[in-house]
Amino acid sequence: LFARIAHRPGALIREPGIILLVPGSVGFRSLSYVLDRNVQLGIDTAVTMTALLIAIVAGLFFGDFLVPPRRKL
């Protein structure tokens, strides 16, 4: 909606939000748990990271479905 109203690229709003949501720190924490020999907690954290990834991708797809971009690249 921002892109349509402000006549600016939608990535100005979308990309910084995705950078904040990138589950890289969760993946690092998962690897850290596994290397500390706490495998069960590492696997649990890895499942959480996978759920975060799926939620981010699904949100982007759903957002593009609700409000299609002004033009295709």
PDB file of N, CA and C in Angstrom:
ATOM      1  N   LEU A   1       0.815  -1.193   0.000  1.00  0.00           N
ATOM      2  CA  LEU A   1       0.000   0.000   0.000  1.00  0.00           C
ATOM      3  C   LEU A   1       0.862   1.261   0.000  1.00  0.00           C
ATOM      4  N   PHE A   2       2.002   1.203   0.701  1.00  0.00           N
ATOM      5  CA  PHE A   2       2.903   2.352   0.742  1.00  0.00           C
ATOM      6  C   PHE A   2       3.357   2.735  -0.658  1.00  0.00           C
ATOM      7  N   ALA A   3       3.682   1.745  -1.481  1.00  0.00           N
ATOM      8  CA  ALA A   3       4.172   2.024  -2.829  1.00  0.00           C
ATOM      9  C   ALA A   3       3.108   2.711  -3.671  1.00  0.00           C
ATOM     10  N   ARG A   4       1.879   2.303  -3.501  1.00  0.00           N
ATOM     11  CA  ARG A   4       0.810   2.909  -4.294  1.00  0.00           C
ATOM     12  C   ARG A   4       0.460   4.320  -3.824  1.00  0.00           C
ATOM     13  N   ILE A   5       0.449   4.517  -2.528  1.00  0.00           N
ATOM     14  CA  ILE A   5       0.056   5.821  -2.004  1.00  0.00           C
ATOM     15  C   ILE A   5       1.171   6.844  -2.174  1.00  0.00           C
ATOM     16  N   ALA A   6       2.406   6.479  -1.853  1.00  0.00           N
ATOM     17  CA  ALA A   6       3.522   7.431  -1.872  1.00  0.00           C
ATOM     18  C   ALA A   6       4.247   7.475  -3.212  1.00  0.00           C
ATOM     19  N   HIS A   7       3.883   6.595  -4.134  1.00  0.00           N
ATOM     20  CA  HIS A   7       4.553   6.505  -5.435  1.00  0.00           C
ATOM     21  C   HIS A   7       6.054   6.312  -5.279  1.00  0.00           C
ATOM     22  N   ARG A   8       6.414   5.468  -4.334  1.00  0.00           N
ATOM     23  CA  ARG A   8       7.803   5.094  -4.057  1.00  0.00           C
ATOM     24  C   ARG A   8       7.907   3.573  -4.142  1.00  0.00           C
ATOM     25  N   PRO A   9       9.122   3.059  -4.278  1.00  0.00           N
ATOM     26  CA  PRO A   9       9.274   1.594  -4.285  1.00  0.00           C
ATOM     27  C   PRO A   9       8.834   0.979  -2.957  1.00  0.00           C
ATOM     28  N   GLY A  10       8.131  -0.128  -3.036  1.00  0.00           N
ATOM     29  CA  GLY A  10       7.665  -0.803  -1.826  1.00  0.00           C
ATOM     30  C   GLY A  10       8.785  -1.387  -1.005  1.00  0.00           C
ATOM     31  N   ALA A  11       9.948  -1.586  -1.616  1.00  0.00           N
ATOM     32  CA  ALA A  11      11.083  -2.153  -0.893  1.00  0.00           C
ATOM     33  C   ALA A  11      11.606  -1.216   0.196  1.00  0.00           C
ATOM     34  N   LEU A  12      11.275   0.068   0.118  1.00  0.00           N
ATOM     35  CA  LEU A  12      11.710   1.006   1.157  1.00  0.00           C
ATOM     36  C   LEU A  12      11.148   0.633   2.520  1.00  0.00           C
ATOM     37  N   ILE A  13       9.983   0.075   2.550  1.00  0.00           N
ATOM     38  CA  ILE A  13       9.351  -0.331   3.802  1.00  0.00           C
ATOM     39  C   ILE A  13       9.557  -1.818   4.050  1.00  0.00           C
ATOM     40  N   ARG A  14       9.484  -2.615   3.017  1.00  0.00           N
ATOM     41  CA  ARG A  14       9.513  -4.067   3.153  1.00  0.00           C
ATOM     42  C   ARG A  14      10.885  -4.600   3.552  1.00  0.00           C
ATOM     43  N   GLU A  15      11.933  -4.158   2.922  1.00  0.00           N
ATOM     44  CA  GLU A  15      13.253  -4.740   3.142  1.00  0.00           C
ATOM     45  C   GLU A  15      13.815  -4.499   4.542  1.00  0.00           C
ATOM     46  N   PRO A  16      13.736  -3.288   5.110  1.00  0.00           N
ATOM     47  CA  PRO A  16      14.240  -3.138   6.484  1.00  0.00           C
ATOM     48  C   PRO A  16      13.480  -4.002   7.489  1.00  0.00           C
ATOM     49  N   GLY A  17      12.198  -4.198   7.250  1.00  0.00           N
ATOM     50  CA  GLY A  17      11.434  -5.068   8.139  1.00  0.00           C
ATOM     51  C   GLY A  17      11.876  -6.508   8.054  1.00  0.00           C
ATOM     52  N   ILE A  18      12.201  -6.958   6.855  1.00  0.00           N
ATOM     53  CA  ILE A  18      12.666  -8.331   6.679  1.00  0.00           C
ATOM     54  C   ILE A  18      14.037  -8.504   7.317  1.00  0.00           C
ATOM     55  N   ILE A  19      14.886  -7.508   7.199  1.00  0.00           N
ATOM     56  CA  ILE A  19      16.213  -7.605   7.807  1.00  0.00           C
ATOM     57  C   ILE A  19      16.093  -7.786   9.314  1.00  0.00           C
ATOM     58  N   LEU A  20      15.135  -7.103   9.925  1.00  0.00           N
ATOM     59  CA  LEU A  20      14.937  -7.260  11.363  1.00  0.00           C
ATOM     60  C   LEU A  20      14.375  -8.631  11.717  1.00  0.00           C
ATOM     61  N   LEU A  21      13.649  -9.244  10.800  1.00  0.00           N
ATOM     62  CA  LEU A  21      13.020 -10.529  11.085  1.00  0.00           C
ATOM     63  C   LEU A  21      13.842 -11.734  10.650  1.00  0.00           C
ATOM     64  N   VAL A  22      14.934 -11.509   9.977  1.00  0.00           N
ATOM     65  CA  VAL A  22      15.739 -12.629   9.491  1.00  0.00           C
ATOM     66  C   VAL A  22      16.191 -13.463  10.685  1.00  0.00           C
ATOM     67  N   PRO A  23      15.917 -14.744  10.641  1.00  0.00           N
ATOM     68  CA  PRO A  23      16.210 -15.579  11.813  1.00  0.00           C
ATOM     69  C   PRO A  23      17.660 -16.065  11.871  1.00  0.00           C
ATOM     70  N   GLY A  24      18.595 -15.265  11.451  1.00  0.00           N
ATOM     71  CA  GLY A  24      19.995 -15.660  11.490  1.00  0.00           C
ATOM     72  C   GLY A  24      20.506 -15.838  12.903  1.00  0.00           C
ATOM     73  N   SER A  25      20.086 -14.965  13.812  1.00  0.00           N
ATOM     74  CA  SER A  25      20.542 -15.101  15.190  1.00  0.00           C
ATOM     75  C   SER A  25      19.977 -16.357  15.835  1.00  0.00           C
ATOM     76  N   VAL A  26      18.764 -16.736  15.448  1.00  0.00           N
ATOM     77  CA  VAL A  26      18.180 -17.962  15.984  1.00  0.00           C
ATOM     78  C   VAL A  26      18.946 -19.177  15.457  1.00  0.00           C
ATOM     79  N   GLY A  27      19.335 -19.139  14.191  1.00  0.00           N
ATOM     80  CA  GLY A  27      20.133 -20.228  13.631  1.00  0.00           C
ATOM     81  C   GLY A  27      21.491 -20.328  14.292  1.00  0.00           C
ATOM     82  N   PHE A  28      22.105 -19.189  14.564  1.00  0.00           N
ATOM     83  CA  PHE A  28      23.393 -19.190  15.247  1.00  0.00           C
ATOM     84  C   PHE A  28      23.249 -19.759  16.659  1.00  0.00           C
ATOM     85  N   ARG A  29      22.188 -19.376  17.341  1.00  0.00           N
ATOM     86  CA  ARG A  29      21.943 -19.902  18.682  1.00  0.00           C
ATOM     87  C   ARG A  29      21.722 -21.408  18.649  1.00  0.00           C
ATOM     88  N   SER A  30      21.014 -21.890  17.619  1.00  0.00           N
ATOM     89  CA  SER A  30      20.784 -23.326  17.468  1.00  0.00           C
ATOM     90  C   SER A  30      22.103 -24.068  17.286  1.00  0.00           C
ATOM     91  N   LEU A  31      22.955 -23.554  16.427  1.00  0.00           N
ATOM     92  CA  LEU A  31      24.255 -24.174  16.212  1.00  0.00           C
ATOM     93  C   LEU A  31      25.101 -24.119  17.478  1.00  0.00           C
ATOM     94  N   SER A  32      25.010 -23.037  18.204  1.00  0.00           N
ATOM     95  CA  SER A  32      25.748 -22.898  19.451  1.00  0.00           C
ATOM     96  C   SER A  32      25.295 -23.941  20.476  1.00  0.00           C
ATOM     97  N   TYR A  33      23.988 -24.177  20.579  1.00  0.00           N
ATOM     98  CA  TYR A  33      23.484 -25.197  21.492  1.00  0.00           C
ATOM     99  C   TYR A  33      23.981 -26.575  21.106  1.00  0.00           C
ATOM    100  N   VAL A  34      23.984 -26.877  19.817  1.00  0.00           N
ATOM    101  CA  VAL A  34      24.442 -28.197  19.366  1.00  0.00           C
ATOM    102  C   VAL A  34      25.925 -28.372  19.673  1.00  0.00           C
ATOM    103  N   LEU A  35      26.707 -27.339  19.449  1.00  0.00           N
ATOM    104  CA  LEU A  35      28.142 -27.437  19.728  1.00  0.00           C
ATOM    105  C   LEU A  35      28.434 -27.504  21.230  1.00  0.00           C
ATOM    106  N   ASP A  36      27.528 -26.985  22.050  1.00  0.00           N
ATOM    107  CA  ASP A  36      27.664 -27.102  23.501  1.00  0.00           C
ATOM    108  C   ASP A  36      27.106 -28.426  24.011  1.00  0.00           C
ATOM    109  N   ARG A  37      26.777 -29.325  23.121  1.00  0.00           N
ATOM    110  CA  ARG A  37      26.277 -30.679  23.422  1.00  0.00           C
ATOM    111  C   ARG A  37      24.904 -30.671  24.081  1.00  0.00           C
ATOM    112  N   ASN A  38      24.122 -29.665  23.794  1.00  0.00           N
ATOM    113  CA  ASN A  38      22.732 -29.628  24.223  1.00  0.00           C
ATOM    114  C   ASN A  38      21.889 -29.807  22.956  1.00  0.00           C
ATOM    115  N   VAL A  39      21.901 -31.023  22.432  1.00  0.00           N
ATOM    116  CA  VAL A  39      21.335 -31.294  21.108  1.00  0.00           C
ATOM    117  C   VAL A  39      19.826 -31.087  21.083  1.00  0.00           C
ATOM    118  N   GLN A  40      19.144 -31.508  22.133  1.00  0.00           N
ATOM    119  CA  GLN A  40      17.688 -31.368  22.133  1.00  0.00           C
ATOM    120  C   GLN A  40      17.268 -29.895  22.047  1.00  0.00           C
ATOM    121  N   LEU A  41      17.913 -29.037  22.811  1.00  0.00           N
ATOM    122  CA  LEU A  41      17.599 -27.614  22.748  1.00  0.00           C
ATOM    123  C   LEU A  41      18.006 -27.022  21.403  1.00  0.00           C
ATOM    124  N   GLY A  42      19.112 -27.514  20.829  1.00  0.00           N
ATOM    125  CA  GLY A  42      19.535 -27.065  19.503  1.00  0.00           C
ATOM    126  C   GLY A  42      18.535 -27.415  18.423  1.00  0.00           C
ATOM    127  N   ILE A  43      18.001 -28.621  18.486  1.00  0.00           N
ATOM    128  CA  ILE A  43      17.002 -29.043  17.493  1.00  0.00           C
ATOM    129  C   ILE A  43      15.712 -28.251  17.681  1.00  0.00           C
ATOM    130  N   ASP A  44      15.323 -28.022  18.926  1.00  0.00           N
ATOM    131  CA  ASP A  44      14.122 -27.230  19.196  1.00  0.00           C
ATOM    132  C   ASP A  44      14.272 -25.805  18.648  1.00  0.00           C
ATOM    133  N   THR A  45      15.448 -25.229  18.817  1.00  0.00           N
ATOM    134  CA  THR A  45      15.697 -23.884  18.300  1.00  0.00           C
ATOM    135  C   THR A  45      15.733 -23.894  16.766  1.00  0.00           C
ATOM    136  N   ALA A  46      16.247 -24.962  16.176  1.00  0.00           N
ATOM    137  CA  ALA A  46      16.264 -25.070  14.711  1.00  0.00           C
ATOM    138  C   ALA A  46      14.845 -25.169  14.151  1.00  0.00           C
ATOM    139  N   VAL A  47      13.969 -25.853  14.848  1.00  0.00           N
ATOM    140  CA  VAL A  47      12.568 -25.930  14.414  1.00  0.00           C
ATOM    141  C   VAL A  47      11.922 -24.545  14.500  1.00  0.00           C
ATOM    142  N   THR A  48      12.239 -23.806  15.549  1.00  0.00           N
ATOM    143  CA  THR A  48      11.740 -22.442  15.670  1.00  0.00           C
ATOM    144  C   THR A  48      12.239 -21.570  14.523  1.00  0.00           C
ATOM    145  N   MET A  49      13.510 -21.735  14.147  1.00  0.00           N
ATOM    146  CA  MET A  49      14.075 -20.969  13.033  1.00  0.00           C
ATOM    147  C   MET A  49      13.358 -21.314  11.727  1.00  0.00           C
ATOM    148  N   THR A  50      13.071 -22.595  11.524  1.00  0.00           N
ATOM    149  CA  THR A  50      12.358 -23.002  10.315  1.00  0.00           C
ATOM    150  C   THR A  50      10.956 -22.395  10.278  1.00  0.00           C
ATOM    151  N   ALA A  51      10.294 -22.365  11.414  1.00  0.00           N
ATOM    152  CA  ALA A  51       8.967 -21.753  11.469  1.00  0.00           C
ATOM    153  C   ALA A  51       9.047 -20.264  11.159  1.00  0.00           C
ATOM    154  N   LEU A  52      10.098 -19.588  11.637  1.00  0.00           N
ATOM    155  CA  LEU A  52      10.277 -18.170  11.321  1.00  0.00           C
ATOM    156  C   LEU A  52      10.490 -17.956   9.822  1.00  0.00           C
ATOM    157  N   LEU A  53      11.308 -18.798   9.211  1.00  0.00           N
ATOM    158  CA  LEU A  53      11.540 -18.685   7.773  1.00  0.00           C
ATOM    159  C   LEU A  53      10.251 -18.872   6.977  1.00  0.00           C
ATOM    160  N   ILE A  54       9.491 -19.883   7.339  1.00  0.00           N
ATOM    161  CA  ILE A  54       8.234 -20.153   6.636  1.00  0.00           C
ATOM    162  C   ILE A  54       7.260 -18.994   6.821  1.00  0.00           C
ATOM    163  N   ALA A  55       7.214 -18.425   8.028  1.00  0.00           N
ATOM    164  CA  ALA A  55       6.308 -17.304   8.288  1.00  0.00           C
ATOM    165  C   ALA A  55       6.699 -16.077   7.469  1.00  0.00           C
ATOM    166  N   ILE A  56       8.000 -15.808   7.336  1.00  0.00           N
ATOM    167  CA  ILE A  56       8.442 -14.658   6.544  1.00  0.00           C
ATOM    168  C   ILE A  56       8.076 -14.837   5.083  1.00  0.00           C
ATOM    169  N   VAL A  57       8.359 -16.004   4.529  1.00  0.00           N
ATOM    170  CA  VAL A  57       8.060 -16.251   3.116  1.00  0.00           C
ATOM    171  C   VAL A  57       6.559 -16.221   2.869  1.00  0.00           C
ATOM    172  N   ALA A  58       5.787 -16.852   3.750  1.00  0.00           N
ATOM    173  CA  ALA A  58       4.327 -16.854   3.588  1.00  0.00           C
ATOM    174  C   ALA A  58       3.765 -15.443   3.694  1.00  0.00           C
ATOM    175  N   GLY A  59       4.313 -14.647   4.590  1.00  0.00           N
ATOM    176  CA  GLY A  59       3.852 -13.269   4.716  1.00  0.00           C
ATOM    177  C   GLY A  59       4.121 -12.447   3.472  1.00  0.00           C
ATOM    178  N   LEU A  60       5.293 -12.646   2.872  1.00  0.00           N
ATOM    179  CA  LEU A  60       5.597 -11.923   1.632  1.00  0.00           C
ATOM    180  C   LEU A  60       4.680 -12.353   0.489  1.00  0.00           C
ATOM    181  N   PHE A  61       4.453 -13.660   0.373  1.00  0.00           N
ATOM    182  CA  PHE A  61       3.554 -14.146  -0.674  1.00  0.00           C
ATOM    183  C   PHE A  61       2.135 -13.642  -0.455  1.00  0.00           C
ATOM    184  N   PHE A  62       1.675 -13.693   0.782  1.00  0.00           N
ATOM    185  CA  PHE A  62       0.319 -13.257   1.080  1.00  0.00           C
ATOM    186  C   PHE A  62       0.160 -11.761   0.859  1.00  0.00           C
ATOM    187  N   GLY A  63       1.188 -10.987   1.221  1.00  0.00           N
ATOM    188  CA  GLY A  63       1.144  -9.547   0.981  1.00  0.00           C
ATOM    189  C   GLY A  63       1.103  -9.204  -0.494  1.00  0.00           C
ATOM    190  N   ASP A  64       1.870  -9.919  -1.307  1.00  0.00           N
ATOM    191  CA  ASP A  64       1.835  -9.680  -2.753  1.00  0.00           C
ATOM    192  C   ASP A  64       0.507 -10.139  -3.360  1.00  0.00           C
ATOM    193  N   PHE A  65      -0.108 -11.128  -2.738  1.00  0.00           N
ATOM    194  CA  PHE A  65      -1.407 -11.599  -3.226  1.00  0.00           C
ATOM    195  C   PHE A  65      -2.510 -10.585  -2.934  1.00  0.00           C
ATOM    196  N   LEU A  66      -2.463  -9.995  -1.721  1.00  0.00           N
ATOM    197  CA  LEU A  66      -3.499  -9.036  -1.344  1.00  0.00           C
ATOM    198  C   LEU A  66      -3.380  -7.734  -2.122  1.00  0.00           C
ATOM    199  N   VAL A  67      -2.166  -7.215  -2.206  1.00  0.00           N
ATOM    200  CA  VAL A  67      -1.935  -5.952  -2.910  1.00  0.00           C
ATOM    201  C   VAL A  67      -0.821  -6.207  -3.919  1.00  0.00           C
ATOM    202  N   PRO A  68      -1.178  -6.528  -5.166  1.00  0.00           N
ATOM    203  CA  PRO A  68      -0.141  -6.811  -6.159  1.00  0.00           C
ATOM    204  C   PRO A  68       0.730  -5.575  -6.429  1.00  0.00           C
ATOM    205  N   PRO A  69       1.980  -5.796  -6.789  1.00  0.00           N
ATOM    206  CA  PRO A  69       2.851  -4.652  -7.073  1.00  0.00           C
ATOM    207  C   PRO A  69       2.350  -3.862  -8.271  1.00  0.00           C
ATOM    208  N   ARG A  70       2.816  -2.596  -8.353  1.00  0.00           N
ATOM    209  CA  ARG A  70       2.376  -1.741  -9.456  1.00  0.00           C
ATOM    210  C   ARG A  70       2.820  -2.299 -10.797  1.00  0.00           C
ATOM    211  N   ARG A  71       4.009  -2.857 -10.826  1.00  0.00           N
ATOM    212  CA  ARG A  71       4.511  -3.419 -12.068  1.00  0.00           C
ATOM    213  C   ARG A  71       5.389  -4.607 -11.745  1.00  0.00           C
ATOM    214  N   LYS A  72       5.484  -5.492 -12.679  1.00  0.00           N
ATOM    215  CA  LYS A  72       6.326  -6.672 -12.520  1.00  0.00           C
ATOM    216  C   LYS A  72       7.738  -6.329 -12.982  1.00  0.00           C
ATOM    217  N   LEU A  73       8.736  -6.905 -12.333  1.00  0.00           N
ATOM    218  CA  LEU A  73      10.116  -6.662 -12.729  1.00  0.00           C
ATOM    219  C   LEU A  73      10.508  -7.567 -13.869  1.00  0.00           C
TER     220      LEU A  73
END
